[in-house]
Amino acid sequence: MDKKIDTSKDFMAFYKKKGDYLVELSENHFKNKEYKKTLELLNQAYSMYTKGKCTEEAENTKLKFQEIKQTYFKKE
């Protein structure tokens, strides 16, 4: 008997949870004015949300990333 177990929901939940964790971690770095690390973590969170098909979270993370990049890494 060759029965496959569908684990896709588990992976989706994992990716969302991992994304949430990375966003929370990025907020701590932001408070400490570690903007480069904040952007790295937001980028990783975006990837997790994308893999987990969490469209709204991914979009919010992308906007936060762009806002921080524009505010703290302006080209002069």
C-alpha atoms as a PDB file:
ATOM      1  CA  MET A   1       0.000   0.000   0.000  1.00  0.00           C
ATOM      2  CA  ASP A   2       1.578   3.245  -1.219  1.00  0.00           C
ATOM      3  CA  LYS A   3      -0.267   6.039   0.553  1.00  0.00           C
ATOM      4  CA  LYS A   4       1.041   9.602   0.287  1.00  0.00           C
ATOM      5  CA  ILE A   5       0.514  12.072   3.076  1.00  0.00           C
ATOM      6  CA  ASP A   6      -0.311  15.647   2.089  1.00  0.00           C
ATOM      7  CA  THR A   7       1.938  17.909   4.151  1.00  0.00           C
ATOM      8  CA  SER A   8       1.453  21.057   2.084  1.00  0.00           C
ATOM      9  CA  LYS A   9      -0.713  22.725   4.764  1.00  0.00           C
ATOM     10  CA  ASP A  10       1.992  22.062   7.338  1.00  0.00           C
ATOM     11  CA  PHE A  11       4.597  23.684   5.101  1.00  0.00           C
ATOM     12  CA  MET A  12       2.370  26.696   4.471  1.00  0.00           C
ATOM     13  CA  ALA A  13       1.890  27.144   8.218  1.00  0.00           C
ATOM     14  CA  PHE A  14       5.640  26.747   8.783  1.00  0.00           C
ATOM     15  CA  TYR A  15       6.507  29.388   6.169  1.00  0.00           C
ATOM     16  CA  LYS A  16       4.005  31.848   7.658  1.00  0.00           C
ATOM     17  CA  LYS A  17       5.264  31.240  11.195  1.00  0.00           C
ATOM     18  CA  LYS A  18       8.881  31.631  10.071  1.00  0.00           C
ATOM     19  CA  GLY A  19       7.976  34.854   8.206  1.00  0.00           C
ATOM     20  CA  ASP A  20       6.215  36.232  11.283  1.00  0.00           C
ATOM     21  CA  TYR A  21       9.253  35.428  13.414  1.00  0.00           C
ATOM     22  CA  LEU A  22      11.632  37.148  10.983  1.00  0.00           C
ATOM     23  CA  VAL A  23       9.456  40.270  10.848  1.00  0.00           C
ATOM     24  CA  GLU A  24       9.360  40.384  14.653  1.00  0.00           C
ATOM     25  CA  LEU A  25      13.137  39.950  14.793  1.00  0.00           C
ATOM     26  CA  SER A  26      13.595  42.715  12.216  1.00  0.00           C
ATOM     27  CA  GLU A  27      11.579  45.084  14.404  1.00  0.00           C
ATOM     28  CA  ASN A  28      14.068  44.570  17.248  1.00  0.00           C
ATOM     29  CA  HIS A  29      16.979  45.383  14.938  1.00  0.00           C
ATOM     30  CA  PHE A  30      15.112  48.429  13.649  1.00  0.00           C
ATOM     31  CA  LYS A  31      14.674  49.742  17.209  1.00  0.00           C
ATOM     32  CA  ASN A  32      18.441  49.348  17.665  1.00  0.00           C
ATOM     33  CA  LYS A  33      19.051  51.321  14.457  1.00  0.00           C
ATOM     34  CA  GLU A  34      20.549  48.265  12.726  1.00  0.00           C
ATOM     35  CA  TYR A  35      18.908  49.073   9.408  1.00  0.00           C
ATOM     36  CA  LYS A  36      21.000  46.810   7.188  1.00  0.00           C
ATOM     37  CA  LYS A  37      20.185  43.765   9.339  1.00  0.00           C
ATOM     38  CA  THR A  38      16.536  44.856   9.393  1.00  0.00           C
ATOM     39  CA  LEU A  39      16.458  44.799   5.586  1.00  0.00           C
ATOM     40  CA  GLU A  40      18.125  41.371   5.480  1.00  0.00           C
ATOM     41  CA  LEU A  41      15.529  39.926   7.831  1.00  0.00           C
ATOM     42  CA  LEU A  42      12.611  41.530   5.982  1.00  0.00           C
ATOM     43  CA  ASN A  43      13.957  40.102   2.733  1.00  0.00           C
ATOM     44  CA  GLN A  44      14.062  36.626   4.288  1.00  0.00           C
ATOM     45  CA  ALA A  45      10.549  37.094   5.697  1.00  0.00           C
ATOM     46  CA  TYR A  46       9.298  38.097   2.245  1.00  0.00           C
ATOM     47  CA  SER A  47      10.712  34.859   0.833  1.00  0.00           C
ATOM     48  CA  MET A  48       9.016  32.801   3.539  1.00  0.00           C
ATOM     49  CA  TYR A  49       5.671  34.500   2.980  1.00  0.00           C
ATOM     50  CA  THR A  50       5.993  33.999  -0.776  1.00  0.00           C
ATOM     51  CA  LYS A  51       6.744  30.287  -0.346  1.00  0.00           C
ATOM     52  CA  GLY A  52       3.800  30.014   2.031  1.00  0.00           C
ATOM     53  CA  LYS A  53       1.519  31.854  -0.410  1.00  0.00           C
ATOM     54  CA  CYS A  54       0.794  34.532   2.223  1.00  0.00           C
ATOM     55  CA  THR A  55       0.211  37.279  -0.321  1.00  0.00           C
ATOM     56  CA  GLU A  56      -0.933  40.033   2.039  1.00  0.00           C
ATOM     57  CA  GLU A  57       1.927  39.490   4.495  1.00  0.00           C
ATOM     58  CA  ALA A  58       4.438  39.361   1.627  1.00  0.00           C
ATOM     59  CA  GLU A  59       3.141  42.645   0.215  1.00  0.00           C
ATOM     60  CA  ASN A  60       3.221  44.368   3.629  1.00  0.00           C
ATOM     61  CA  THR A  61       6.768  43.136   4.204  1.00  0.00           C
ATOM     62  CA  LYS A  62       7.848  44.375   0.783  1.00  0.00           C
ATOM     63  CA  LEU A  63       6.381  47.817   1.480  1.00  0.00           C
ATOM     64  CA  LYS A  64       8.111  47.983   4.872  1.00  0.00           C
ATOM     65  CA  PHE A  65      11.401  46.967   3.213  1.00  0.00           C
ATOM     66  CA  GLN A  66      11.081  49.664   0.552  1.00  0.00           C
ATOM     67  CA  GLU A  67      10.125  52.320   3.098  1.00  0.00           C
ATOM     68  CA  ILE A  68      13.167  51.597   5.298  1.00  0.00           C
ATOM     69  CA  LYS A  69      15.471  51.412   2.294  1.00  0.00           C
ATOM     70  CA  GLN A  70      14.265  54.768   0.955  1.00  0.00           C
ATOM     71  CA  THR A  71      14.380  56.456   4.362  1.00  0.00           C
ATOM     72  CA  TYR A  72      17.737  55.229   5.659  1.00  0.00           C
ATOM     73  CA  PHE A  73      19.677  54.404   2.489  1.00  0.00           C
ATOM     74  CA  LYS A  74      19.067  57.428   0.286  1.00  0.00           C
ATOM     75  CA  LYS A  75      21.468  57.873  -2.591  1.00  0.00           C
ATOM     76  CA  GLU A  76      23.138  61.243  -2.394  1.00  0.00           C
END
